Protein backbone atom coordinates (compact mmCIF):
# COMPACT_ATOMS: atom_id res chain seq x y z
CA MET A 1 -3.94 33.55 5.60
CA SER A 2 -6.71 36.00 6.29
CA LEU A 3 -9.94 35.23 4.46
CA ASN A 4 -12.40 37.92 3.42
CA VAL A 5 -15.24 36.58 5.56
CA GLU A 6 -17.79 39.17 4.48
CA LEU A 7 -17.12 38.53 0.79
CA LEU A 8 -17.46 34.78 1.32
CA ARG A 9 -20.72 35.20 3.21
CA SER A 10 -22.29 37.71 0.84
CA SER A 11 -21.34 35.72 -2.26
CA PHE A 12 -22.58 32.48 -0.70
CA ALA A 13 -25.90 34.17 0.11
CA LEU A 14 -26.13 35.39 -3.51
CA VAL A 15 -25.45 31.92 -4.90
CA VAL A 16 -28.00 30.26 -2.61
CA GLU A 17 -30.58 32.92 -3.46
CA ARG A 18 -30.05 32.37 -7.18
CA GLU A 19 -29.84 28.59 -6.96
CA PRO A 20 -31.22 27.07 -3.75
CA GLU A 21 -30.24 23.62 -5.06
CA VAL A 22 -26.61 24.61 -5.57
CA THR A 23 -25.38 21.31 -4.12
CA SER A 24 -27.33 19.39 -6.76
CA ARG A 25 -25.64 21.47 -9.40
CA PHE A 26 -22.27 20.83 -7.74
CA TYR A 27 -22.71 17.05 -7.96
CA ASP A 28 -23.78 17.36 -11.60
CA VAL A 29 -20.49 19.15 -12.32
CA LEU A 30 -18.40 16.76 -10.22
CA PHE A 31 -19.84 13.62 -11.80
CA ARG A 32 -19.62 15.05 -15.32
CA LYS A 33 -15.98 16.11 -14.94
CA TYR A 34 -14.85 13.24 -12.69
CA PRO A 35 -17.19 10.27 -13.25
CA GLN A 36 -14.78 8.04 -11.34
CA THR A 37 -15.95 9.73 -8.12
CA GLN A 38 -19.56 8.60 -8.46
CA PRO A 39 -19.05 5.12 -6.93
CA LEU A 40 -17.82 6.78 -3.71
CA PHE A 41 -21.34 8.07 -3.07
CA GLY A 42 -23.20 4.76 -2.90
CA ARG A 43 -23.84 4.78 0.86
CA ARG A 44 -26.56 7.42 0.68
CA THR A 45 -29.11 8.68 -1.77
CA ARG A 46 -28.17 11.64 -3.89
CA ALA A 47 -30.69 13.79 -2.00
CA GLU A 48 -29.14 12.83 1.34
CA GLN A 49 -25.66 13.59 0.05
CA GLU A 50 -26.77 16.98 -1.29
CA ARG A 51 -28.38 17.81 2.06
CA MET A 52 -25.25 16.84 3.98
CA LEU A 53 -23.05 18.97 1.74
CA ARG A 54 -25.46 21.91 1.98
CA ASP A 55 -25.54 21.68 5.76
CA MET A 56 -21.75 21.52 5.98
CA LEU A 57 -21.27 24.47 3.62
CA VAL A 58 -23.71 26.54 5.65
CA ALA A 59 -21.99 25.54 8.90
CA ILE A 60 -18.55 26.40 7.52
CA VAL A 61 -19.71 29.80 6.28
CA ASP A 62 -21.37 30.42 9.67
CA HIS A 63 -18.15 29.50 11.53
CA LEU A 64 -15.53 31.19 9.34
CA GLU A 65 -14.22 33.13 12.32
CA ASP A 66 -14.17 30.16 14.71
CA ALA A 67 -10.85 28.40 14.08
CA THR A 68 -11.40 25.87 16.87
CA TRP A 69 -14.74 24.77 15.46
CA LEU A 70 -13.38 24.60 11.92
CA LYS A 71 -10.36 22.54 12.93
CA GLY A 72 -12.40 20.08 14.99
CA GLN A 73 -15.18 19.61 12.46
CA LEU A 74 -13.01 19.50 9.36
CA THR A 75 -10.36 17.14 10.70
CA ALA A 76 -13.14 14.77 11.81
CA LEU A 77 -14.74 15.08 8.39
CA GLY A 78 -11.38 14.39 6.78
CA GLN A 79 -11.01 11.21 8.82
CA LYS A 80 -14.42 10.03 7.62
CA HIS A 81 -13.48 10.73 4.02
CA VAL A 82 -10.40 8.52 4.28
CA GLY A 83 -12.76 5.67 5.12
CA TYR A 84 -14.88 6.53 2.09
CA GLY A 85 -11.87 6.05 -0.19
CA VAL A 86 -11.18 9.72 -0.93
CA SER A 87 -7.66 10.24 -2.23
CA PRO A 88 -5.63 13.46 -1.96
CA GLU A 89 -6.07 14.29 -5.65
CA MET A 90 -9.84 14.17 -5.28
CA TYR A 91 -9.75 17.28 -3.09
CA GLY A 92 -8.56 19.18 -6.16
CA TRP A 93 -11.40 17.75 -8.23
CA VAL A 94 -13.94 18.80 -5.62
CA GLY A 95 -12.44 22.27 -5.38
CA ALA A 96 -12.49 22.75 -9.15
CA SER A 97 -16.10 21.54 -9.31
CA LEU A 98 -17.16 23.78 -6.43
CA LEU A 99 -15.56 26.86 -7.97
CA GLU A 100 -17.09 26.09 -11.37
CA THR A 101 -20.50 25.68 -9.76
CA LEU A 102 -20.26 28.90 -7.75
CA ALA A 103 -19.03 30.86 -10.77
CA SER A 104 -21.79 29.47 -12.96
CA VAL A 105 -24.52 30.37 -10.49
CA ALA A 106 -23.06 33.78 -9.61
CA GLY A 107 -22.80 34.69 -13.29
CA ASP A 108 -21.75 38.29 -13.87
CA ALA A 109 -21.28 38.78 -10.12
CA TRP A 110 -18.33 36.33 -10.17
CA THR A 111 -15.16 38.38 -10.15
CA PRO A 112 -11.46 37.54 -10.02
CA GLU A 113 -11.56 38.60 -6.36
CA LEU A 114 -14.35 36.12 -5.64
CA GLU A 115 -12.48 33.40 -7.50
CA GLN A 116 -9.36 34.06 -5.41
CA THR A 117 -11.25 34.32 -2.13
CA TRP A 118 -13.20 31.09 -2.68
CA SER A 119 -10.10 29.31 -3.91
CA GLU A 120 -8.24 30.29 -0.72
CA ALA A 121 -11.19 29.32 1.47
CA TYR A 122 -11.55 25.93 -0.19
CA GLY A 123 -7.80 25.41 0.08
CA ALA A 124 -7.99 26.04 3.82
CA VAL A 125 -10.92 23.64 4.22
CA ALA A 126 -9.20 20.93 2.17
CA SER A 127 -5.97 21.42 4.12
CA LEU A 128 -7.75 20.94 7.43
CA MET A 129 -9.55 17.86 6.16
CA GLN A 130 -6.35 16.35 4.80
CA SER A 131 -4.44 17.11 8.00
CA ALA A 132 -6.43 14.30 9.59
CA THR A 133 -4.58 11.82 7.41
CA ALA A 134 -1.07 13.14 8.03
């Protein structure tokens, strides 16, 4: 799969410009749609969790063309998430919540192409994270 790196980067920049606290909005969506996930986040404060997600999203977007970095970081992250009690179905919940958040913030700029591109990118990230448990 070949991701449209420039489209991912430009749309991510747009979303962050419009909503610098996009990770806070993401967790609002996730916990509203999937309240059963909330107990998994008791190790850290909400602010710490938002910061960690923000930092990882930025790092992933920055390294979209570095397969070695992505594989190493995301498989390690996947291993950690097993220990947190994350199940395979939860990756779908996170993906749906992320796409809903991005679409909401992007507003009229959200296109079917962006939806497809972000869906593919998230699928690749989730696949790498889940490969750690295989």
